[in-house]
All heavy atoms as atom14 arrays in JSON, in Angstrom:
{
  "sequence": "GTATGLAGSSMPDIVGVLGYDDNKNWGRVQVMGAIHQNRALNPSF",
  "atom14_mask": [
    [1, 1, 1, 1, 0, 0, 0, 0, 0, 0, 0, 0, 0, 0],
    [1, 1, 1, 1, 1, 1, 1, 0, 0, 0, 0, 0, 0, 0],
    [1, 1, 1, 1, 1, 0, 0, 0, 0, 0, 0, 0, 0, 0],
    [1, 1, 1, 1, 1, 1, 1, 0, 0, 0, 0, 0, 0, 0],
    [1, 1, 1, 1, 0, 0, 0, 0, 0, 0, 0, 0, 0, 0],
    [1, 1, 1, 1, 1, 1, 1, 1, 0, 0, 0, 0, 0, 0],
    [1, 1, 1, 1, 1, 0, 0, 0, 0, 0, 0, 0, 0, 0],
    [1, 1, 1, 1, 0, 0, 0, 0, 0, 0, 0, 0, 0, 0],
    [1, 1, 1, 1, 1, 1, 0, 0, 0, 0, 0, 0, 0, 0],
    [1, 1, 1, 1, 1, 1, 0, 0, 0, 0, 0, 0, 0, 0],
    [1, 1, 1, 1, 1, 1, 1, 1, 0, 0, 0, 0, 0, 0],
    [1, 1, 1, 1, 1, 1, 1, 0, 0, 0, 0, 0, 0, 0],
    [1, 1, 1, 1, 1, 1, 1, 1, 0, 0, 0, 0, 0, 0],
    [1, 1, 1, 1, 1, 1, 1, 1, 0, 0, 0, 0, 0, 0],
    [1, 1, 1, 1, 1, 1, 1, 0, 0, 0, 0, 0, 0, 0],
    [1, 1, 1, 1, 0, 0, 0, 0, 0, 0, 0, 0, 0, 0],
    [1, 1, 1, 1, 1, 1, 1, 0, 0, 0, 0, 0, 0, 0],
    [1, 1, 1, 1, 1, 1, 1, 1, 0, 0, 0, 0, 0, 0],
    [1, 1, 1, 1, 0, 0, 0, 0, 0, 0, 0, 0, 0, 0],
    [1, 1, 1, 1, 1, 1, 1, 1, 1, 1, 1, 1, 0, 0],
    [1, 1, 1, 1, 1, 1, 1, 1, 0, 0, 0, 0, 0, 0],
    [1, 1, 1, 1, 1, 1, 1, 1, 0, 0, 0, 0, 0, 0],
    [1, 1, 1, 1, 1, 1, 1, 1, 0, 0, 0, 0, 0, 0],
    [1, 1, 1, 1, 1, 1, 1, 1, 1, 0, 0, 0, 0, 0],
    [1, 1, 1, 1, 1, 1, 1, 1, 0, 0, 0, 0, 0, 0],
    [1, 1, 1, 1, 1, 1, 1, 1, 1, 1, 1, 1, 1, 1],
    [1, 1, 1, 1, 0, 0, 0, 0, 0, 0, 0, 0, 0, 0],
    [1, 1, 1, 1, 1, 1, 1, 1, 1, 1, 1, 0, 0, 0],
    [1, 1, 1, 1, 1, 1, 1, 0, 0, 0, 0, 0, 0, 0],
    [1, 1, 1, 1, 1, 1, 1, 1, 1, 0, 0, 0, 0, 0],
    [1, 1, 1, 1, 1, 1, 1, 0, 0, 0, 0, 0, 0, 0],
    [1, 1, 1, 1, 1, 1, 1, 1, 0, 0, 0, 0, 0, 0],
    [1, 1, 1, 1, 0, 0, 0, 0, 0, 0, 0, 0, 0, 0],
    [1, 1, 1, 1, 1, 0, 0, 0, 0, 0, 0, 0, 0, 0],
    [1, 1, 1, 1, 1, 1, 1, 1, 0, 0, 0, 0, 0, 0],
    [1, 1, 1, 1, 1, 1, 1, 1, 1, 1, 0, 0, 0, 0],
    [1, 1, 1, 1, 1, 1, 1, 1, 1, 0, 0, 0, 0, 0],
    [1, 1, 1, 1, 1, 1, 1, 1, 0, 0, 0, 0, 0, 0],
    [1, 1, 1, 1, 1, 1, 1, 1, 1, 1, 1, 0, 0, 0],
    [1, 1, 1, 1, 1, 0, 0, 0, 0, 0, 0, 0, 0, 0],
    [1, 1, 1, 1, 1, 1, 1, 1, 0, 0, 0, 0, 0, 0],
    [1, 1, 1, 1, 1, 1, 1, 1, 0, 0, 0, 0, 0, 0],
    [1, 1, 1, 1, 1, 1, 1, 0, 0, 0, 0, 0, 0, 0],
    [1, 1, 1, 1, 1, 1, 0, 0, 0, 0, 0, 0, 0, 0],
    [1, 1, 1, 1, 1, 1, 1, 1, 1, 1, 1, 0, 0, 0]
  ],
  "atom14_positions": [
    [[25.01, 9.13, 68.51], [25.18, 10.08, 69.6], [25.58, 11.47, 69.2], [25.45, 12.41, 69.97], [0.0, 0.0, 0.0], [0.0, 0.0, 0.0], [0.0, 0.0, 0.0], [0.0, 0.0, 0.0], [0.0, 0.0, 0.0], [0.0, 0.0, 0.0], [0.0, 0.0, 0.0], [0.0, 0.0, 0.0], [0.0, 0.0, 0.0], [0.0, 0.0, 0.0]],
    [[26.11, 11.69, 68.0], [26.54, 13.02, 67.6], [25.91, 13.4, 66.27], [26.12, 12.73, 65.26], [28.08, 13.08, 67.45], [28.68, 12.72, 68.7], [28.52, 14.49, 67.06], [0.0, 0.0, 0.0], [0.0, 0.0, 0.0], [0.0, 0.0, 0.0], [0.0, 0.0, 0.0], [0.0, 0.0, 0.0], [0.0, 0.0, 0.0], [0.0, 0.0, 0.0]],
    [[25.13, 14.49, 66.29], [24.53, 14.97, 65.05], [25.53, 15.85, 64.31], [26.13, 16.75, 64.87], [23.27, 15.77, 65.36], [0.0, 0.0, 0.0], [0.0, 0.0, 0.0], [0.0, 0.0, 0.0], [0.0, 0.0, 0.0], [0.0, 0.0, 0.0], [0.0, 0.0, 0.0], [0.0, 0.0, 0.0], [0.0, 0.0, 0.0], [0.0, 0.0, 0.0]],
    [[25.74, 15.57, 63.07], [26.71, 16.32, 62.28], [26.06, 17.48, 61.56], [26.69, 18.49, 61.33], [27.38, 15.41, 61.24], [26.4, 14.96, 60.31], [28.03, 14.23, 61.92], [0.0, 0.0, 0.0], [0.0, 0.0, 0.0], [0.0, 0.0, 0.0], [0.0, 0.0, 0.0], [0.0, 0.0, 0.0], [0.0, 0.0, 0.0], [0.0, 0.0, 0.0]],
    [[24.82, 17.37, 61.17], [24.15, 18.43, 60.43], [24.57, 18.46, 58.98], [25.52, 17.81, 58.55], [0.0, 0.0, 0.0], [0.0, 0.0, 0.0], [0.0, 0.0, 0.0], [0.0, 0.0, 0.0], [0.0, 0.0, 0.0], [0.0, 0.0, 0.0], [0.0, 0.0, 0.0], [0.0, 0.0, 0.0], [0.0, 0.0, 0.0], [0.0, 0.0, 0.0]],
    [[23.85, 19.25, 58.19], [24.12, 19.38, 56.77], [24.98, 20.61, 56.52], [24.71, 21.7, 57.03], [22.82, 19.5, 55.97], [21.92, 18.26, 55.93], [20.58, 18.6, 55.31], [22.59, 17.14, 55.15], [0.0, 0.0, 0.0], [0.0, 0.0, 0.0], [0.0, 0.0, 0.0], [0.0, 0.0, 0.0], [0.0, 0.0, 0.0], [0.0, 0.0, 0.0]],
    [[26.0, 20.46, 55.69], [26.83, 21.58, 55.29], [26.24, 22.24, 54.06], [25.34, 21.71, 53.41], [28.25, 21.1, 55.0], [0.0, 0.0, 0.0], [0.0, 0.0, 0.0], [0.0, 0.0, 0.0], [0.0, 0.0, 0.0], [0.0, 0.0, 0.0], [0.0, 0.0, 0.0], [0.0, 0.0, 0.0], [0.0, 0.0, 0.0], [0.0, 0.0, 0.0]],
    [[26.76, 23.42, 53.74], [26.35, 24.08, 52.5], [26.78, 23.26, 51.3], [27.82, 22.59, 51.31], [0.0, 0.0, 0.0], [0.0, 0.0, 0.0], [0.0, 0.0, 0.0], [0.0, 0.0, 0.0], [0.0, 0.0, 0.0], [0.0, 0.0, 0.0], [0.0, 0.0, 0.0], [0.0, 0.0, 0.0], [0.0, 0.0, 0.0], [0.0, 0.0, 0.0]],
    [[26.0, 23.3, 50.26], [26.29, 22.49, 49.08], [27.46, 23.09, 48.29], [27.67, 24.3, 48.29], [25.05, 22.41, 48.18], [24.64, 23.71, 47.8], [0.0, 0.0, 0.0], [0.0, 0.0, 0.0], [0.0, 0.0, 0.0], [0.0, 0.0, 0.0], [0.0, 0.0, 0.0], [0.0, 0.0, 0.0], [0.0, 0.0, 0.0], [0.0, 0.0, 0.0]],
    [[28.22, 22.24, 47.65], [29.34, 22.69, 46.82], [29.17, 22.29, 45.36], [30.03, 22.62, 44.54], [30.66, 22.13, 47.37], [30.66, 20.71, 47.31], [0.0, 0.0, 0.0], [0.0, 0.0, 0.0], [0.0, 0.0, 0.0], [0.0, 0.0, 0.0], [0.0, 0.0, 0.0], [0.0, 0.0, 0.0], [0.0, 0.0, 0.0], [0.0, 0.0, 0.0]],
    [[28.1, 21.58, 45.04], [27.81, 21.21, 43.65], [26.3, 21.05, 43.48], [25.6, 20.69, 44.42], [28.52, 19.92, 43.26], [28.11, 18.69, 44.04], [28.75, 17.15, 43.34], [27.71, 16.95, 41.88], [0.0, 0.0, 0.0], [0.0, 0.0, 0.0], [0.0, 0.0, 0.0], [0.0, 0.0, 0.0], [0.0, 0.0, 0.0], [0.0, 0.0, 0.0]],
    [[25.78, 21.34, 42.29], [24.35, 21.18, 42.05], [23.99, 19.72, 41.81], [24.87, 18.88, 41.58], [24.11, 22.02, 40.8], [25.4, 21.92, 40.05], [26.48, 21.89, 41.11], [0.0, 0.0, 0.0], [0.0, 0.0, 0.0], [0.0, 0.0, 0.0], [0.0, 0.0, 0.0], [0.0, 0.0, 0.0], [0.0, 0.0, 0.0], [0.0, 0.0, 0.0]],
    [[22.71, 19.44, 41.86], [22.23, 18.13, 41.41], [22.26, 18.11, 39.89], [21.93, 19.11, 39.23], [20.81, 17.88, 41.9], [20.77, 17.34, 43.31], [21.74, 17.58, 44.05], [19.79, 16.68, 43.68], [0.0, 0.0, 0.0], [0.0, 0.0, 0.0], [0.0, 0.0, 0.0], [0.0, 0.0, 0.0], [0.0, 0.0, 0.0], [0.0, 0.0, 0.0]],
    [[22.64, 16.98, 39.34], [22.67, 16.8, 37.89], [21.67, 15.71, 37.53], [21.73, 14.59, 38.05], [24.08, 16.41, 37.41], [25.08, 17.5, 37.82], [24.09, 16.21, 35.91], [26.52, 17.15, 37.53], [0.0, 0.0, 0.0], [0.0, 0.0, 0.0], [0.0, 0.0, 0.0], [0.0, 0.0, 0.0], [0.0, 0.0, 0.0], [0.0, 0.0, 0.0]],
    [[20.72, 16.05, 36.67], [19.64, 15.14, 36.29], [19.67, 14.93, 34.78], [19.78, 15.9, 34.01], [18.26, 15.7, 36.71], [17.14, 14.8, 36.21], [18.2, 15.85, 38.22], [0.0, 0.0, 0.0], [0.0, 0.0, 0.0], [0.0, 0.0, 0.0], [0.0, 0.0, 0.0], [0.0, 0.0, 0.0], [0.0, 0.0, 0.0], [0.0, 0.0, 0.0]],
    [[19.56, 13.69, 34.36], [19.48, 13.36, 32.94], [18.28, 12.47, 32.67], [17.98, 11.56, 33.46], [0.0, 0.0, 0.0], [0.0, 0.0, 0.0], [0.0, 0.0, 0.0], [0.0, 0.0, 0.0], [0.0, 0.0, 0.0], [0.0, 0.0, 0.0], [0.0, 0.0, 0.0], [0.0, 0.0, 0.0], [0.0, 0.0, 0.0], [0.0, 0.0, 0.0]],
    [[17.57, 12.74, 31.56], [16.37, 11.98, 31.22], [16.37, 11.68, 29.73], [16.71, 12.55, 28.91], [15.08, 12.76, 31.58], [13.84, 11.93, 31.25], [15.08, 13.16, 33.04], [0.0, 0.0, 0.0], [0.0, 0.0, 0.0], [0.0, 0.0, 0.0], [0.0, 0.0, 0.0], [0.0, 0.0, 0.0], [0.0, 0.0, 0.0], [0.0, 0.0, 0.0]],
    [[15.97, 10.48, 29.38], [15.79, 10.08, 27.98], [14.38, 9.52, 27.85], [13.99, 8.63, 28.62], [16.83, 9.03, 27.58], [16.77, 8.52, 26.13], [17.07, 9.65, 25.15], [17.74, 7.36, 25.92], [0.0, 0.0, 0.0], [0.0, 0.0, 0.0], [0.0, 0.0, 0.0], [0.0, 0.0, 0.0], [0.0, 0.0, 0.0], [0.0, 0.0, 0.0]],
    [[13.6, 10.03, 26.88], [12.21, 9.6, 26.78], [11.72, 9.44, 25.36], [12.32, 9.95, 24.41], [0.0, 0.0, 0.0], [0.0, 0.0, 0.0], [0.0, 0.0, 0.0], [0.0, 0.0, 0.0], [0.0, 0.0, 0.0], [0.0, 0.0, 0.0], [0.0, 0.0, 0.0], [0.0, 0.0, 0.0], [0.0, 0.0, 0.0], [0.0, 0.0, 0.0]],
    [[10.61, 8.74, 25.23], [9.92, 8.54, 23.95], [8.45, 8.81, 24.17], [7.83, 8.22, 25.06], [10.14, 7.12, 23.43], [9.58, 6.9, 22.03], [10.35, 7.19, 20.91], [8.29, 6.39, 21.84], [9.85, 7.0, 19.63], [7.79, 6.2, 20.57], [8.56, 6.5, 19.47], [8.07, 6.31, 18.2], [0.0, 0.0, 0.0], [0.0, 0.0, 0.0]],
    [[7.88, 9.74, 23.38], [6.51, 10.2, 23.6], [5.65, 9.92, 22.36], [5.84, 10.52, 21.3], [6.51, 11.7, 23.91], [5.15, 12.19, 24.4], [4.15, 11.49, 24.16], [5.09, 13.25, 25.03], [0.0, 0.0, 0.0], [0.0, 0.0, 0.0], [0.0, 0.0, 0.0], [0.0, 0.0, 0.0], [0.0, 0.0, 0.0], [0.0, 0.0, 0.0]],
    [[4.7, 9.0, 22.52], [3.69, 8.73, 21.49], [2.33, 8.65, 22.18], [1.55, 7.73, 21.96], [4.01, 7.43, 20.76], [3.15, 7.25, 19.51], [2.62, 8.26, 19.01], [2.99, 6.1, 19.06], [0.0, 0.0, 0.0], [0.0, 0.0, 0.0], [0.0, 0.0, 0.0], [0.0, 0.0, 0.0], [0.0, 0.0, 0.0], [0.0, 0.0, 0.0]],
    [[2.08, 9.63, 23.06], [0.91, 9.57, 23.92], [-0.4, 9.68, 23.14], [-1.47, 9.32, 23.65], [0.97, 10.67, 24.99], [0.08, 10.38, 26.17], [0.02, 9.23, 26.64], [-0.62, 11.37, 26.66], [0.0, 0.0, 0.0], [0.0, 0.0, 0.0], [0.0, 0.0, 0.0], [0.0, 0.0, 0.0], [0.0, 0.0, 0.0], [0.0, 0.0, 0.0]],
    [[-0.37, 10.2, 21.92], [-1.58, 10.24, 21.1], [-2.0, 8.85, 20.66], [-3.15, 8.65, 20.26], [-1.36, 11.13, 19.88], [-1.19, 12.6, 20.22], [-1.04, 13.43, 18.95], [-0.91, 14.91, 19.28], [-0.75, 15.73, 18.06], [0.0, 0.0, 0.0], [0.0, 0.0, 0.0], [0.0, 0.0, 0.0], [0.0, 0.0, 0.0], [0.0, 0.0, 0.0]],
    [[-1.08, 7.9, 20.76], [-1.37, 6.52, 20.37], [-1.24, 5.58, 21.57], [-2.13, 5.48, 22.39], [-0.46, 6.1, 19.21], [-0.7, 6.94, 17.97], [-1.82, 6.99, 17.46], [0.33, 7.6, 17.47], [0.0, 0.0, 0.0], [0.0, 0.0, 0.0], [0.0, 0.0, 0.0], [0.0, 0.0, 0.0], [0.0, 0.0, 0.0], [0.0, 0.0, 0.0]],
    [[-0.11, 4.92, 21.7], [0.01, 3.88, 22.73], [0.4, 4.43, 24.1], [0.06, 3.86, 25.13], [1.0, 2.8, 22.29], [2.41, 3.31, 22.12], [2.99, 3.76, 20.98], [3.42, 3.41, 23.15], [4.29, 4.14, 21.21], [4.57, 3.94, 22.53], [3.45, 3.1, 24.5], [5.76, 4.17, 23.23], [4.62, 3.33, 25.21], [5.75, 3.86, 24.58]],
    [[1.21, 5.53, 24.14], [1.64, 6.05, 25.44], [3.02, 6.67, 25.36], [3.45, 7.16, 24.31], [0.0, 0.0, 0.0], [0.0, 0.0, 0.0], [0.0, 0.0, 0.0], [0.0, 0.0, 0.0], [0.0, 0.0, 0.0], [0.0, 0.0, 0.0], [0.0, 0.0, 0.0], [0.0, 0.0, 0.0], [0.0, 0.0, 0.0], [0.0, 0.0, 0.0]],
    [[3.76, 6.64, 26.46], [5.09, 7.22, 26.51], [5.9, 6.54, 27.61], [5.34, 5.9, 28.5], [5.03, 8.73, 26.75], [4.26, 9.11, 27.99], [4.0, 10.6, 28.05], [2.9, 10.9, 28.97], [2.37, 12.09, 29.13], [2.83, 13.11, 28.46], [1.38, 12.27, 29.97], [0.0, 0.0, 0.0], [0.0, 0.0, 0.0], [0.0, 0.0, 0.0]],
    [[7.23, 6.74, 27.56], [8.12, 6.12, 28.55], [9.35, 7.0, 28.7], [9.75, 7.71, 27.75], [8.51, 4.69, 28.1], [9.32, 4.71, 26.82], [9.23, 3.95, 29.2], [0.0, 0.0, 0.0], [0.0, 0.0, 0.0], [0.0, 0.0, 0.0], [0.0, 0.0, 0.0], [0.0, 0.0, 0.0], [0.0, 0.0, 0.0], [0.0, 0.0, 0.0]],
    [[9.95, 6.98, 29.89], [11.2, 7.7, 30.09], [12.05, 6.98, 31.13], [11.54, 6.32, 32.03], [10.96, 9.14, 30.53], [10.48, 9.31, 31.96], [10.4, 10.77, 32.39], [9.87, 11.61, 31.66], [10.93, 11.08, 33.57], [0.0, 0.0, 0.0], [0.0, 0.0, 0.0], [0.0, 0.0, 0.0], [0.0, 0.0, 0.0], [0.0, 0.0, 0.0]],
    [[13.37, 7.08, 30.96], [14.33, 6.62, 31.97], [15.06, 7.86, 32.49], [15.3, 8.81, 31.74], [15.33, 5.6, 31.38], [14.62, 4.32, 31.03], [16.05, 6.17, 30.16], [0.0, 0.0, 0.0], [0.0, 0.0, 0.0], [0.0, 0.0, 0.0], [0.0, 0.0, 0.0], [0.0, 0.0, 0.0], [0.0, 0.0, 0.0], [0.0, 0.0, 0.0]],
    [[15.39, 7.87, 33.79], [15.98, 9.06, 34.37], [17.02, 8.69, 35.41], [16.98, 7.59, 35.98], [14.91, 9.97, 34.99], [13.94, 9.31, 35.95], [12.52, 8.56, 35.12], [11.42, 8.31, 36.53], [0.0, 0.0, 0.0], [0.0, 0.0, 0.0], [0.0, 0.0, 0.0], [0.0, 0.0, 0.0], [0.0, 0.0, 0.0], [0.0, 0.0, 0.0]],
    [[17.93, 9.62, 35.65], [18.95, 9.44, 36.66], [19.34, 10.77, 37.26], [19.18, 11.83, 36.63], [0.0, 0.0, 0.0], [0.0, 0.0, 0.0], [0.0, 0.0, 0.0], [0.0, 0.0, 0.0], [0.0, 0.0, 0.0], [0.0, 0.0, 0.0], [0.0, 0.0, 0.0], [0.0, 0.0, 0.0], [0.0, 0.0, 0.0], [0.0, 0.0, 0.0]],
    [[19.82, 10.75, 38.49], [20.21, 11.98, 39.19], [21.4, 11.71, 40.09], [21.56, 10.61, 40.64], [19.04, 12.51, 40.02], [0.0, 0.0, 0.0], [0.0, 0.0, 0.0], [0.0, 0.0, 0.0], [0.0, 0.0, 0.0], [0.0, 0.0, 0.0], [0.0, 0.0, 0.0], [0.0, 0.0, 0.0], [0.0, 0.0, 0.0], [0.0, 0.0, 0.0]],
    [[22.26, 12.72, 40.25], [23.4, 12.68, 41.15], [23.21, 13.76, 42.21], [22.9, 14.91, 41.89], [24.72, 12.91, 40.39], [24.95, 11.78, 39.38], [25.89, 13.01, 41.35], [26.16, 12.02, 38.48], [0.0, 0.0, 0.0], [0.0, 0.0, 0.0], [0.0, 0.0, 0.0], [0.0, 0.0, 0.0], [0.0, 0.0, 0.0], [0.0, 0.0, 0.0]],
    [[23.39, 13.37, 43.49], [23.17, 14.29, 44.6], [24.3, 14.18, 45.61], [24.69, 13.08, 46.01], [21.83, 13.98, 45.28], [21.57, 14.79, 46.51], [21.29, 16.13, 46.48], [21.56, 14.44, 47.83], [21.11, 16.59, 47.7], [21.27, 15.57, 48.54], [0.0, 0.0, 0.0], [0.0, 0.0, 0.0], [0.0, 0.0, 0.0], [0.0, 0.0, 0.0]],
    [[24.84, 15.32, 46.03], [25.95, 15.34, 46.98], [25.46, 15.32, 48.42], [24.51, 16.02, 48.77], [26.79, 16.61, 46.77], [27.99, 16.71, 47.69], [28.64, 18.08, 47.64], [27.98, 19.09, 47.81], [29.94, 18.11, 47.39], [0.0, 0.0, 0.0], [0.0, 0.0, 0.0], [0.0, 0.0, 0.0], [0.0, 0.0, 0.0], [0.0, 0.0, 0.0]],
    [[26.09, 14.5, 49.26], [25.84, 14.48, 50.71], [27.1, 15.04, 51.39], [28.17, 14.43, 51.33], [25.57, 13.06, 51.2], [24.25, 12.53, 50.65], [23.2, 12.85, 51.14], [24.35, 11.72, 49.6], [0.0, 0.0, 0.0], [0.0, 0.0, 0.0], [0.0, 0.0, 0.0], [0.0, 0.0, 0.0], [0.0, 0.0, 0.0], [0.0, 0.0, 0.0]],
    [[26.94, 16.18, 52.04], [28.09, 16.88, 52.61], [27.78, 17.23, 54.06], [26.83, 17.96, 54.36], [28.36, 18.15, 51.8], [29.67, 18.85, 52.12], [30.02, 19.81, 50.99], [31.25, 20.54, 51.27], [31.3, 21.83, 51.59], [30.17, 22.54, 51.66], [32.43, 22.43, 51.83], [0.0, 0.0, 0.0], [0.0, 0.0, 0.0], [0.0, 0.0, 0.0]],
    [[28.57, 16.71, 54.98], [28.34, 16.92, 56.4], [28.95, 18.23, 56.87], [29.96, 18.7, 56.33], [28.94, 15.77, 57.2], [0.0, 0.0, 0.0], [0.0, 0.0, 0.0], [0.0, 0.0, 0.0], [0.0, 0.0, 0.0], [0.0, 0.0, 0.0], [0.0, 0.0, 0.0], [0.0, 0.0, 0.0], [0.0, 0.0, 0.0], [0.0, 0.0, 0.0]],
    [[28.35, 18.81, 57.89], [28.87, 20.04, 58.47], [30.21, 19.8, 59.17], [31.1, 20.63, 59.15], [27.84, 20.62, 59.45], [28.15, 21.98, 60.05], [28.23, 23.04, 58.96], [27.08, 22.37, 61.07], [0.0, 0.0, 0.0], [0.0, 0.0, 0.0], [0.0, 0.0, 0.0], [0.0, 0.0, 0.0], [0.0, 0.0, 0.0], [0.0, 0.0, 0.0]],
    [[30.34, 18.62, 59.77], [31.59, 18.25, 60.43], [32.63, 17.91, 59.36], [32.46, 16.97, 58.59], [31.35, 17.04, 61.33], [32.55, 16.69, 62.18], [33.69, 17.03, 61.84], [32.32, 15.99, 63.28], [0.0, 0.0, 0.0], [0.0, 0.0, 0.0], [0.0, 0.0, 0.0], [0.0, 0.0, 0.0], [0.0, 0.0, 0.0], [0.0, 0.0, 0.0]],
    [[33.76, 18.66, 59.29], [34.75, 18.4, 58.23], [35.44, 17.05, 58.36], [36.14, 16.62, 57.43], [35.74, 19.56, 58.39], [35.6, 20.01, 59.8], [34.16, 19.78, 60.16], [0.0, 0.0, 0.0], [0.0, 0.0, 0.0], [0.0, 0.0, 0.0], [0.0, 0.0, 0.0], [0.0, 0.0, 0.0], [0.0, 0.0, 0.0], [0.0, 0.0, 0.0]],
    [[35.26, 16.37, 59.5], [35.87, 15.05, 59.66], [35.18, 14.01, 58.78], [35.75, 12.96, 58.49], [35.8, 14.61, 61.13], [36.52, 15.51, 61.96], [0.0, 0.0, 0.0], [0.0, 0.0, 0.0], [0.0, 0.0, 0.0], [0.0, 0.0, 0.0], [0.0, 0.0, 0.0], [0.0, 0.0, 0.0], [0.0, 0.0, 0.0], [0.0, 0.0, 0.0]],
    [[33.94, 14.31, 58.39], [33.2, 13.37, 57.55], [33.46, 13.71, 56.08], [33.31, 14.85, 55.65], [31.7, 13.47, 57.82], [31.28, 12.96, 59.16], [31.35, 13.76, 60.28], [30.8, 11.66, 59.29], [30.95, 13.29, 61.52], [30.41, 11.18, 60.53], [30.49, 12.0, 61.64], [0.0, 0.0, 0.0], [0.0, 0.0, 0.0], [0.0, 0.0, 0.0]]
  ]
}
């Protein structure tokens, strides 16, 4: 019943990736992760 809306961000997204590239032969692979902040406009949240 109550929309809170999105507040301005206070931290950036942080992304990390680790990969191995041998695409000239068999191929390549990577694992990745990211952190993202969810911040409501309503300070009660």
